[in-house]
Protein backbone atom coordinates (compact mmCIF):
# COMPACT_ATOMS: atom_id res chain seq x y z
CA MET A 1 112.39 102.60 140.69
CA LYS A 2 108.89 103.57 141.70
CA LYS A 3 106.22 100.86 141.34
CA GLN A 4 104.06 101.39 138.26
CA ARG A 5 100.39 102.05 138.84
CA SER A 6 98.09 99.41 137.35
CA LEU A 7 96.15 100.42 134.24
CA THR A 8 93.03 98.63 135.52
CA ASN A 9 91.11 98.61 138.78
CA LYS A 10 89.97 95.50 140.71
CA ALA A 11 86.82 95.28 138.55
CA GLY A 12 88.98 95.15 135.41
CA GLU A 13 87.98 98.58 134.12
CA VAL A 14 90.71 100.63 132.48
CA ARG A 15 91.42 103.88 134.30
CA GLU A 16 91.98 107.19 132.51
CA LEU A 17 95.48 107.16 131.06
CA THR A 18 97.93 109.97 131.78
CA ALA A 19 100.80 111.45 129.78
CA ARG A 20 103.19 109.40 131.94
CA ASP A 21 101.33 106.19 130.97
CA PHE A 22 101.67 107.03 127.28
CA ALA A 23 105.37 107.86 127.71
CA ARG A 24 106.01 104.37 129.13
CA MET A 25 104.23 102.57 126.27
CA ARG A 26 106.37 100.78 123.68
CA PRO A 27 105.58 99.66 120.12
CA ALA A 28 104.25 96.14 119.65
CA ARG A 29 107.25 95.22 117.46
CA GLU A 30 109.50 95.74 120.50
CA VAL A 31 107.33 94.01 123.11
CA LEU A 32 105.73 91.03 121.33
CA PRO A 33 108.97 89.10 120.68
CA GLN A 34 109.75 89.21 124.42
CA LEU A 35 106.28 88.01 125.35
CA PHE A 36 105.55 85.39 122.67
CA GLY A 37 108.83 84.67 120.91
CA PRO A 38 110.13 85.92 117.56
CA LYS A 39 108.21 83.51 115.32
CA ALA A 40 104.81 84.21 116.91
CA ALA A 41 105.54 87.95 116.98
CA ARG A 42 106.29 87.96 113.23
CA ALA A 43 102.99 86.20 112.57
CA MET A 44 101.07 88.71 114.71
CA LEU A 45 102.72 91.73 113.11
CA LYS A 46 102.31 90.49 109.53
CA PRO A 47 99.84 92.69 107.61
CA ALA A 48 96.51 91.05 106.86
CA LYS A 49 95.94 90.00 103.27
CA ARG A 50 92.95 91.55 101.55
CA ALA A 51 90.85 89.60 99.11
CA VAL A 52 91.18 90.83 95.56
CA VAL A 53 87.82 91.38 93.93
CA SER A 54 87.64 91.87 90.20
CA PRO A 55 85.16 94.36 88.72
CA THR A 56 83.26 91.46 87.16
CA ASP A 57 82.43 90.19 90.67
CA TRP A 58 80.73 93.44 91.65
CA PRO A 59 76.94 93.40 91.70
CA ARG A 60 75.41 94.91 88.62
CA VAL A 61 73.19 97.88 89.32
CA LYS A 62 70.74 99.13 86.76
CA ALA A 63 69.72 102.77 87.04
CA MET A 64 66.01 103.42 86.74
CA ARG A 65 64.19 106.72 86.40
CA ASP A 66 60.60 107.31 87.37
CA THR A 67 59.03 109.79 84.95
CA ASP A 68 55.79 110.00 86.96
CA ILE A 69 57.27 111.97 89.87
CA ASP A 70 55.29 115.14 90.56
CA LEU A 71 57.58 117.95 91.68
CA SER A 72 55.00 120.72 91.37
CA ASP A 73 54.65 121.12 95.15
CA ILE A 74 58.34 122.03 95.52
CA PRO A 75 58.75 125.81 95.11
CA GLU A 76 62.27 125.56 93.63
CA VAL A 77 60.91 123.56 90.70
CA THR A 78 59.25 125.82 88.19
CA ALA A 79 58.14 125.19 84.64
CA ALA A 80 61.26 127.02 83.44
CA THR A 81 63.64 124.82 85.46
CA VAL A 82 61.89 121.65 84.33
CA ALA A 83 62.05 122.84 80.71
CA ALA A 84 65.79 123.42 81.16
CA GLY A 85 66.14 119.71 81.87
CA VAL A 86 68.08 119.58 85.13
CA THR A 87 67.15 120.89 88.55
CA ARG A 88 68.81 120.52 91.94
CA ILE A 89 66.71 119.38 94.87
CA ALA A 90 68.42 118.95 98.26
CA GLY A 91 71.81 118.96 96.62
CA LYS A 92 71.08 116.08 94.23
CA LYS A 93 70.71 116.36 90.49
CA LYS A 94 67.29 115.45 89.15
CA SER A 95 66.67 115.13 85.47
CA GLY A 96 63.46 116.73 84.22
CA LYS A 97 63.61 114.91 80.89
CA GLY A 98 62.35 111.37 80.70
């Protein structure tokens, strides 16, 4: 069998991988037990547990509206659109009523 080319150079930098390199790669579940033993491999391959956060732990955010915003310099905002109550500016809904 032909000697496999190293994946890194002398400086430790990884070279560009080829299709042949990817074809030789094996899943971690096959390789880790051989390298570290079955018990350590199971621990490494075990999915990480995520902390469960209840909705009561979320920070409370209070929405505030500033009624003193002057939109008269924006051409899309006319008296008619403000009177209608809702206008769109840069894709976001703005409420004209306070």
